[in-house]
N, C-alpha and C. Protein backbone atom coordinates (compact mmCIF):
# COMPACT_ATOMS: atom_id res chain seq x y z
N MET A 1 6.80 11.91 -14.29
CA MET A 1 6.13 11.96 -13.05
C MET A 1 5.43 13.37 -12.97
N SER A 2 4.16 13.32 -12.67
CA SER A 2 3.44 14.60 -12.45
C SER A 2 3.81 15.21 -11.15
N LYS A 3 3.85 16.51 -11.07
CA LYS A 3 4.23 17.17 -9.83
C LYS A 3 2.90 17.36 -9.04
N ALA A 4 2.91 16.79 -7.83
CA ALA A 4 1.79 16.97 -6.94
C ALA A 4 1.64 18.37 -6.48
N LYS A 5 0.37 18.80 -6.34
CA LYS A 5 0.06 20.11 -5.79
C LYS A 5 -0.64 19.86 -4.44
N PHE A 6 -0.54 20.88 -3.60
CA PHE A 6 -1.16 20.92 -2.26
C PHE A 6 -2.62 20.41 -2.41
N GLY A 7 -2.97 19.38 -1.64
CA GLY A 7 -4.35 18.83 -1.60
C GLY A 7 -4.59 17.74 -2.66
N ASP A 8 -3.60 17.35 -3.44
CA ASP A 8 -3.80 16.28 -4.45
C ASP A 8 -3.81 14.89 -3.77
N VAL A 9 -4.60 14.00 -4.27
CA VAL A 9 -4.48 12.60 -3.93
C VAL A 9 -3.44 12.01 -4.79
N ILE A 10 -2.48 11.33 -4.16
CA ILE A 10 -1.35 10.75 -4.93
C ILE A 10 -1.30 9.27 -4.62
N ALA A 11 -0.68 8.47 -5.55
CA ALA A 11 -0.59 7.03 -5.36
C ALA A 11 0.78 6.58 -5.84
N VAL A 12 1.33 5.60 -5.15
CA VAL A 12 2.58 5.01 -5.56
C VAL A 12 2.37 3.52 -5.67
N ASP A 13 2.99 2.94 -6.69
CA ASP A 13 2.90 1.49 -6.88
C ASP A 13 3.74 0.77 -5.89
N ARG A 14 3.10 -0.24 -5.27
CA ARG A 14 3.79 -1.18 -4.38
C ARG A 14 3.61 -2.53 -5.01
N PHE A 15 4.20 -3.54 -4.36
CA PHE A 15 4.09 -4.86 -4.94
C PHE A 15 2.64 -5.38 -4.83
N GLY A 16 1.98 -5.36 -5.95
CA GLY A 16 0.60 -5.92 -6.07
C GLY A 16 -0.51 -4.92 -5.70
N TYR A 17 -0.22 -3.70 -5.37
CA TYR A 17 -1.24 -2.72 -5.02
C TYR A 17 -0.71 -1.30 -5.13
N GLN A 18 -1.56 -0.33 -4.98
CA GLN A 18 -1.13 1.05 -4.91
C GLN A 18 -1.39 1.57 -3.52
N HIS A 19 -0.47 2.48 -3.06
CA HIS A 19 -0.57 3.15 -1.78
C HIS A 19 -0.96 4.59 -2.00
N PHE A 20 -1.93 5.08 -1.23
CA PHE A 20 -2.49 6.41 -1.47
C PHE A 20 -2.24 7.33 -0.29
N GLY A 21 -2.21 8.66 -0.58
CA GLY A 21 -2.05 9.65 0.42
C GLY A 21 -2.51 10.99 -0.10
N ILE A 22 -2.48 12.01 0.77
CA ILE A 22 -2.80 13.35 0.36
C ILE A 22 -1.54 14.19 0.47
N TYR A 23 -1.17 14.83 -0.66
CA TYR A 23 0.02 15.66 -0.67
C TYR A 23 -0.30 16.95 0.15
N SER A 24 0.48 17.24 1.19
CA SER A 24 0.23 18.35 2.09
C SER A 24 1.19 19.44 1.97
N GLY A 25 1.97 19.49 0.89
CA GLY A 25 2.95 20.56 0.62
C GLY A 25 4.27 20.31 1.32
N ASN A 26 5.30 21.09 0.92
CA ASN A 26 6.60 21.03 1.50
C ASN A 26 7.13 19.60 1.48
N ASN A 27 6.88 18.89 0.42
CA ASN A 27 7.46 17.53 0.29
C ASN A 27 6.92 16.56 1.38
N LYS A 28 5.66 16.77 1.86
CA LYS A 28 5.03 15.93 2.88
C LYS A 28 3.75 15.28 2.35
N VAL A 29 3.43 14.17 2.94
CA VAL A 29 2.21 13.43 2.56
C VAL A 29 1.54 12.92 3.85
N VAL A 30 0.19 13.09 3.92
CA VAL A 30 -0.58 12.47 4.99
C VAL A 30 -1.14 11.21 4.43
N HIS A 31 -0.90 10.07 5.17
CA HIS A 31 -1.31 8.75 4.66
C HIS A 31 -1.29 7.76 5.83
N TYR A 32 -1.90 6.59 5.63
CA TYR A 32 -1.76 5.49 6.56
C TYR A 32 -0.37 4.93 6.42
N ASN A 33 0.32 4.80 7.55
CA ASN A 33 1.66 4.33 7.56
C ASN A 33 1.80 3.36 8.73
N LYS A 34 2.74 2.52 8.76
CA LYS A 34 2.97 1.59 9.82
C LYS A 34 3.72 2.25 10.97
N ALA A 35 3.15 2.37 12.14
CA ALA A 35 3.74 3.00 13.32
C ALA A 35 4.73 2.01 13.85
N GLU A 36 5.52 2.48 14.87
CA GLU A 36 6.55 1.64 15.47
C GLU A 36 5.91 0.37 16.15
N ASN A 37 4.68 0.55 16.63
CA ASN A 37 3.99 -0.60 17.22
C ASN A 37 3.37 -1.60 16.16
N GLY A 38 3.60 -1.24 14.86
CA GLY A 38 3.11 -2.12 13.81
C GLY A 38 1.69 -1.85 13.34
N ARG A 39 0.97 -0.90 13.97
CA ARG A 39 -0.38 -0.62 13.63
C ARG A 39 -0.42 0.44 12.49
N GLY A 40 -1.41 0.26 11.59
CA GLY A 40 -1.65 1.27 10.58
C GLY A 40 -2.14 2.57 11.25
N THR A 41 -1.39 3.70 11.06
CA THR A 41 -1.72 4.89 11.70
C THR A 41 -1.58 6.03 10.70
N VAL A 42 -2.58 6.98 10.75
CA VAL A 42 -2.46 8.11 9.84
C VAL A 42 -1.34 9.02 10.32
N MET A 43 -0.42 9.33 9.43
CA MET A 43 0.79 10.19 9.82
C MET A 43 1.07 11.16 8.64
N GLU A 44 1.74 12.21 8.97
CA GLU A 44 2.28 13.12 7.93
C GLU A 44 3.78 12.84 7.86
N THR A 45 4.23 12.31 6.74
CA THR A 45 5.61 11.91 6.57
C THR A 45 6.24 12.66 5.38
N SER A 46 7.49 12.46 5.21
CA SER A 46 8.16 12.98 4.03
C SER A 46 7.74 12.28 2.80
N MET A 47 7.88 12.91 1.66
CA MET A 47 7.54 12.23 0.36
C MET A 47 8.46 11.01 0.26
N ARG A 48 9.69 11.10 0.63
CA ARG A 48 10.63 9.93 0.58
C ARG A 48 10.06 8.74 1.33
N ASP A 49 9.53 8.96 2.57
CA ASP A 49 8.95 7.87 3.33
C ASP A 49 7.73 7.34 2.68
N PHE A 50 6.91 8.20 2.09
CA PHE A 50 5.76 7.77 1.40
C PHE A 50 6.07 6.88 0.20
N LEU A 51 7.08 7.27 -0.60
CA LEU A 51 7.56 6.56 -1.74
C LEU A 51 8.13 5.16 -1.36
N ASP A 52 8.80 5.12 -0.20
CA ASP A 52 9.40 3.87 0.36
C ASP A 52 10.27 3.14 -0.71
N GLY A 53 11.08 3.85 -1.33
CA GLY A 53 12.06 3.28 -2.30
C GLY A 53 11.60 3.43 -3.79
N ALA A 54 10.37 3.76 -4.01
CA ALA A 54 9.87 3.92 -5.38
C ALA A 54 10.35 5.25 -5.88
N SER A 55 10.50 5.41 -7.19
CA SER A 55 11.03 6.61 -7.77
C SER A 55 9.89 7.47 -8.40
N ASP A 56 8.73 6.97 -8.48
CA ASP A 56 7.61 7.63 -9.15
C ASP A 56 6.34 7.49 -8.40
N TYR A 57 5.44 8.46 -8.60
CA TYR A 57 4.06 8.37 -8.06
C TYR A 57 3.17 9.08 -9.12
N LYS A 58 1.85 8.88 -8.94
CA LYS A 58 0.92 9.48 -9.88
C LYS A 58 -0.03 10.42 -9.07
N VAL A 59 -0.52 11.44 -9.76
CA VAL A 59 -1.53 12.33 -9.15
C VAL A 59 -2.80 11.80 -9.68
N CYS A 60 -3.79 11.54 -8.78
CA CYS A 60 -5.10 10.98 -9.15
C CYS A 60 -6.04 12.06 -9.51
N GLU A 61 -6.75 11.81 -10.65
CA GLU A 61 -7.81 12.74 -11.11
C GLU A 61 -9.12 12.41 -10.41
N HIS A 62 -9.92 13.44 -10.20
CA HIS A 62 -11.25 13.20 -9.63
C HIS A 62 -12.27 13.79 -10.57
N LYS A 63 -12.66 12.99 -11.53
CA LYS A 63 -13.67 13.41 -12.55
C LYS A 63 -14.85 12.48 -12.47
N SER A 64 -15.94 12.90 -13.05
CA SER A 64 -17.14 12.07 -13.08
C SER A 64 -16.91 10.81 -13.83
N ASP A 65 -17.30 9.65 -13.25
CA ASP A 65 -17.09 8.34 -13.89
C ASP A 65 -18.45 7.69 -14.09
N VAL A 66 -19.58 8.35 -13.96
CA VAL A 66 -20.82 7.67 -13.99
C VAL A 66 -21.03 7.02 -15.40
N GLY A 67 -20.71 7.74 -16.50
CA GLY A 67 -20.89 7.24 -17.81
C GLY A 67 -20.09 5.93 -18.00
N GLU A 68 -18.88 6.00 -17.48
CA GLU A 68 -17.94 4.82 -17.60
C GLU A 68 -18.53 3.64 -16.79
N SER A 69 -19.03 3.96 -15.60
CA SER A 69 -19.60 2.90 -14.69
C SER A 69 -20.83 2.27 -15.37
N ILE A 70 -21.65 3.09 -15.97
CA ILE A 70 -22.88 2.55 -16.67
C ILE A 70 -22.41 1.65 -17.77
N MET A 71 -21.45 2.10 -18.58
CA MET A 71 -20.96 1.27 -19.65
C MET A 71 -20.39 -0.07 -19.17
N ASN A 72 -19.60 -0.02 -18.08
CA ASN A 72 -19.04 -1.24 -17.53
C ASN A 72 -20.12 -2.17 -17.09
N VAL A 73 -21.22 -1.68 -16.49
CA VAL A 73 -22.28 -2.52 -15.99
C VAL A 73 -22.98 -3.14 -17.23
N MET A 74 -23.21 -2.35 -18.28
CA MET A 74 -23.96 -2.92 -19.39
C MET A 74 -23.13 -3.92 -20.14
N MET A 75 -21.81 -3.76 -20.15
CA MET A 75 -20.94 -4.65 -20.88
C MET A 75 -20.51 -5.90 -20.06
N SER A 76 -20.71 -5.83 -18.73
CA SER A 76 -20.28 -6.91 -17.91
C SER A 76 -21.04 -8.20 -18.13
N ARG A 77 -20.37 -9.29 -18.05
CA ARG A 77 -21.03 -10.60 -18.17
C ARG A 77 -20.75 -11.32 -16.90
N ASN A 78 -21.74 -11.43 -16.04
CA ASN A 78 -21.59 -12.23 -14.84
C ASN A 78 -22.84 -13.11 -14.66
N PRO A 79 -22.70 -14.18 -13.98
CA PRO A 79 -23.80 -15.15 -13.87
C PRO A 79 -24.95 -14.61 -13.03
N LEU A 80 -24.71 -13.69 -12.23
CA LEU A 80 -25.79 -13.16 -11.32
C LEU A 80 -26.48 -11.99 -12.02
N GLY A 81 -25.98 -11.64 -13.19
CA GLY A 81 -26.64 -10.69 -14.06
C GLY A 81 -27.25 -9.43 -13.46
N THR A 82 -28.55 -9.27 -13.55
CA THR A 82 -29.22 -8.06 -13.24
C THR A 82 -29.02 -7.59 -11.84
N THR A 83 -28.99 -8.46 -10.88
CA THR A 83 -28.88 -8.06 -9.47
C THR A 83 -27.60 -7.28 -9.25
N ILE A 84 -26.51 -7.85 -9.70
CA ILE A 84 -25.19 -7.19 -9.50
C ILE A 84 -25.13 -5.94 -10.36
N ALA A 85 -25.60 -6.01 -11.63
CA ALA A 85 -25.56 -4.91 -12.50
C ALA A 85 -26.30 -3.71 -11.94
N PHE A 86 -27.53 -4.02 -11.39
CA PHE A 86 -28.35 -2.93 -10.79
C PHE A 86 -27.61 -2.35 -9.57
N GLY A 87 -27.09 -3.26 -8.75
CA GLY A 87 -26.32 -2.78 -7.54
C GLY A 87 -25.17 -1.88 -7.85
N LYS A 88 -24.42 -2.29 -8.88
CA LYS A 88 -23.29 -1.44 -9.29
C LYS A 88 -23.74 -0.12 -9.85
N LEU A 89 -24.83 -0.12 -10.63
CA LEU A 89 -25.39 1.11 -11.15
C LEU A 89 -25.87 2.03 -10.11
N ALA A 90 -26.63 1.42 -9.14
CA ALA A 90 -27.18 2.24 -8.01
C ALA A 90 -26.05 2.81 -7.21
N TYR A 91 -25.03 1.96 -6.95
CA TYR A 91 -23.92 2.52 -6.14
C TYR A 91 -23.22 3.66 -6.87
N SER A 92 -23.00 3.46 -8.16
CA SER A 92 -22.27 4.53 -8.98
C SER A 92 -23.09 5.86 -8.91
N ALA A 93 -24.39 5.71 -9.11
CA ALA A 93 -25.24 6.95 -9.06
C ALA A 93 -25.20 7.59 -7.69
N TYR A 94 -25.36 6.77 -6.59
CA TYR A 94 -25.28 7.24 -5.25
C TYR A 94 -23.94 8.00 -4.96
N LYS A 95 -22.88 7.37 -5.39
CA LYS A 95 -21.53 7.92 -5.17
C LYS A 95 -21.43 9.29 -5.92
N GLU A 96 -21.88 9.33 -7.15
CA GLU A 96 -21.80 10.54 -7.94
C GLU A 96 -22.62 11.66 -7.37
N LEU A 97 -23.82 11.32 -6.86
CA LEU A 97 -24.73 12.37 -6.35
C LEU A 97 -24.17 12.89 -4.97
N ASN A 98 -23.57 12.05 -4.24
CA ASN A 98 -23.14 12.47 -2.87
C ASN A 98 -21.65 12.88 -2.80
N ALA A 99 -20.86 12.55 -3.86
CA ALA A 99 -19.45 12.90 -3.82
C ALA A 99 -19.28 14.39 -4.05
N LYS A 100 -18.32 14.95 -3.37
CA LYS A 100 -17.92 16.32 -3.58
C LYS A 100 -16.44 16.21 -4.05
N SER A 101 -15.91 17.29 -4.39
CA SER A 101 -14.46 17.36 -4.56
C SER A 101 -13.99 18.58 -3.78
N TYR A 102 -13.51 18.33 -2.57
CA TYR A 102 -13.12 19.47 -1.70
C TYR A 102 -11.90 20.22 -2.27
N ASP A 103 -11.82 21.46 -2.03
CA ASP A 103 -10.71 22.29 -2.50
C ASP A 103 -9.45 21.77 -1.70
N ALA A 104 -8.30 22.21 -2.16
CA ALA A 104 -7.05 21.74 -1.61
C ALA A 104 -6.95 22.01 -0.05
N GLU A 105 -7.31 23.18 0.36
CA GLU A 105 -7.16 23.51 1.80
C GLU A 105 -8.07 22.59 2.67
N GLU A 106 -9.24 22.36 2.20
CA GLU A 106 -10.19 21.53 2.97
C GLU A 106 -9.75 20.03 2.89
N THR A 107 -9.26 19.59 1.78
CA THR A 107 -8.79 18.20 1.66
C THR A 107 -7.62 18.01 2.68
N VAL A 108 -6.64 18.93 2.70
CA VAL A 108 -5.50 18.74 3.61
C VAL A 108 -6.01 18.91 5.05
N ARG A 109 -6.92 19.86 5.35
CA ARG A 109 -7.43 20.00 6.69
C ARG A 109 -8.10 18.69 7.16
N ARG A 110 -8.88 18.04 6.26
CA ARG A 110 -9.56 16.81 6.61
C ARG A 110 -8.51 15.73 6.88
N ALA A 111 -7.50 15.68 5.99
CA ALA A 111 -6.43 14.64 6.22
C ALA A 111 -5.71 14.85 7.53
N ARG A 112 -5.30 16.06 7.74
CA ARG A 112 -4.53 16.31 9.03
C ARG A 112 -5.41 16.10 10.28
N SER A 113 -6.66 16.26 10.18
CA SER A 113 -7.55 16.05 11.27
C SER A 113 -7.56 14.56 11.75
N LYS A 114 -7.13 13.71 10.85
CA LYS A 114 -7.13 12.28 11.18
C LYS A 114 -5.72 11.76 11.57
N ILE A 115 -4.76 12.66 11.70
CA ILE A 115 -3.43 12.23 12.12
C ILE A 115 -3.53 11.56 13.49
N GLY A 116 -2.94 10.44 13.63
CA GLY A 116 -2.96 9.65 14.87
C GLY A 116 -4.05 8.56 14.86
N GLU A 117 -5.01 8.63 13.89
CA GLU A 117 -6.01 7.63 13.85
C GLU A 117 -5.44 6.24 13.55
N THR A 118 -5.95 5.23 14.26
CA THR A 118 -5.44 3.83 14.11
C THR A 118 -6.57 2.88 13.70
N LYS A 119 -7.43 3.30 12.82
CA LYS A 119 -8.56 2.47 12.48
C LYS A 119 -8.40 1.79 11.13
N TYR A 120 -7.16 1.48 10.76
CA TYR A 120 -6.87 0.87 9.49
C TYR A 120 -7.56 -0.48 9.40
N SER A 121 -8.19 -0.71 8.24
CA SER A 121 -8.81 -2.00 7.91
C SER A 121 -8.70 -2.19 6.44
N LEU A 122 -8.07 -3.23 5.99
CA LEU A 122 -7.82 -3.44 4.55
C LEU A 122 -9.17 -3.37 3.76
N PRO A 123 -10.27 -4.09 4.15
CA PRO A 123 -11.43 -4.07 3.29
C PRO A 123 -12.31 -2.80 3.51
N THR A 124 -12.23 -2.13 4.63
CA THR A 124 -13.16 -1.01 4.89
C THR A 124 -12.57 0.35 5.18
N ASN A 125 -11.31 0.39 5.49
CA ASN A 125 -10.65 1.68 5.92
C ASN A 125 -9.17 1.67 5.61
N ASN A 126 -8.79 1.46 4.33
CA ASN A 126 -7.39 1.40 3.98
C ASN A 126 -6.92 2.76 3.48
N CYS A 127 -5.73 2.84 3.01
CA CYS A 127 -5.13 4.15 2.62
C CYS A 127 -5.92 4.74 1.45
N GLU A 128 -6.47 3.99 0.55
CA GLU A 128 -7.27 4.59 -0.51
C GLU A 128 -8.59 5.04 -0.03
N HIS A 129 -9.26 4.34 0.86
CA HIS A 129 -10.50 4.82 1.53
C HIS A 129 -10.23 6.16 2.18
N PHE A 130 -9.13 6.24 2.91
CA PHE A 130 -8.74 7.47 3.60
C PHE A 130 -8.57 8.66 2.66
N ALA A 131 -7.76 8.46 1.64
CA ALA A 131 -7.49 9.58 0.69
C ALA A 131 -8.74 10.01 -0.01
N GLU A 132 -9.57 9.06 -0.49
CA GLU A 132 -10.79 9.38 -1.21
C GLU A 132 -11.76 10.11 -0.28
N GLU A 133 -11.86 9.65 0.94
CA GLU A 133 -12.78 10.40 1.88
C GLU A 133 -12.30 11.78 2.18
N CYS A 134 -11.00 12.00 2.30
CA CYS A 134 -10.50 13.37 2.50
C CYS A 134 -10.79 14.24 1.29
N LYS A 135 -10.71 13.70 0.18
CA LYS A 135 -10.91 14.49 -1.11
C LYS A 135 -12.39 14.65 -1.57
N THR A 136 -13.19 13.59 -1.28
CA THR A 136 -14.59 13.69 -1.83
C THR A 136 -15.64 13.54 -0.78
N GLY A 137 -15.32 13.07 0.42
CA GLY A 137 -16.32 12.79 1.48
C GLY A 137 -16.90 11.41 1.38
N VAL A 138 -16.44 10.59 0.41
CA VAL A 138 -16.98 9.31 0.24
C VAL A 138 -15.81 8.31 0.39
N LYS A 139 -15.90 7.33 1.29
CA LYS A 139 -14.94 6.26 1.45
C LYS A 139 -15.11 5.33 0.29
N ASN A 140 -14.02 5.21 -0.51
CA ASN A 140 -14.08 4.35 -1.66
C ASN A 140 -12.71 3.80 -1.92
N SER A 141 -12.65 2.49 -2.30
CA SER A 141 -11.34 1.92 -2.70
C SER A 141 -11.60 1.08 -4.00
N SER A 142 -11.14 1.65 -5.08
CA SER A 142 -11.33 0.92 -6.35
C SER A 142 -10.58 -0.41 -6.31
N GLN A 143 -9.51 -0.50 -5.57
CA GLN A 143 -8.78 -1.80 -5.45
C GLN A 143 -9.60 -2.80 -4.73
N VAL A 144 -10.32 -2.46 -3.68
CA VAL A 144 -11.13 -3.40 -2.92
C VAL A 144 -12.38 -3.74 -3.76
N ASN A 145 -12.99 -2.75 -4.41
CA ASN A 145 -14.07 -2.99 -5.29
C ASN A 145 -13.75 -3.96 -6.40
N GLU A 146 -12.61 -3.74 -7.01
CA GLU A 146 -12.14 -4.63 -8.11
C GLU A 146 -11.96 -6.08 -7.61
N LEU A 147 -11.36 -6.20 -6.44
CA LEU A 147 -11.13 -7.52 -5.89
C LEU A 147 -12.48 -8.22 -5.58
N ALA A 148 -13.42 -7.49 -5.00
CA ALA A 148 -14.74 -8.01 -4.69
C ALA A 148 -15.41 -8.51 -6.00
N ASN A 149 -15.31 -7.66 -7.06
CA ASN A 149 -15.94 -8.05 -8.31
C ASN A 149 -15.30 -9.29 -8.88
N THR A 150 -13.96 -9.40 -8.75
CA THR A 150 -13.25 -10.60 -9.25
C THR A 150 -13.74 -11.80 -8.52
N ILE A 151 -13.83 -11.74 -7.22
CA ILE A 151 -14.32 -12.88 -6.40
C ILE A 151 -15.68 -13.23 -6.77
N ILE A 152 -16.60 -12.29 -6.97
CA ILE A 152 -18.01 -12.61 -7.36
C ILE A 152 -18.01 -13.27 -8.69
N ARG A 153 -17.24 -12.78 -9.68
CA ARG A 153 -17.18 -13.39 -10.97
C ARG A 153 -16.70 -14.87 -10.85
N PHE A 154 -15.66 -15.03 -10.11
CA PHE A 154 -15.09 -16.39 -9.86
C PHE A 154 -16.12 -17.32 -9.25
N LEU A 155 -16.75 -16.89 -8.21
CA LEU A 155 -17.76 -17.72 -7.52
C LEU A 155 -18.96 -18.07 -8.42
N GLY A 156 -19.26 -17.10 -9.34
CA GLY A 156 -20.35 -17.33 -10.24
C GLY A 156 -20.06 -18.41 -11.28
N ARG A 157 -18.77 -18.66 -11.49
CA ARG A 157 -18.38 -19.69 -12.43
C ARG A 157 -18.30 -21.11 -11.84
N LEU A 158 -18.39 -21.16 -10.55
CA LEU A 158 -18.35 -22.50 -9.88
C LEU A 158 -19.61 -23.27 -10.01
């Protein structure tokens, strides 16, 4: 297990997905958690609460992935072809040009500024969107993107 540093985006495996948060130091994590009323709420909790029984987590890297995205688009085979390929390429370029990687202090400040927020939405504002926006300024969820691509590929085969 990598040791998280202040301001890192971290992820823990859950059943069928990964849960993300921002490590805020002193064994604490800012992340979407279920409040007593059952609503997804941004909270700062202990690492133990974040892990929720898991024994391991990963520290997420934030490196340029444009080359990889271009290669994935060029290699992908889907029935809608160029339209989806161009859209993926344009999105990757837009994301790369507009994404920042905030320093640790700013990342944690941005995360803590959202404590109490209850705008959780699985497709548009989940824990991964939250953590990525705190770190880079861009709401992004690779898990949602991958699911959407899988659905598009499936529908294209019908």
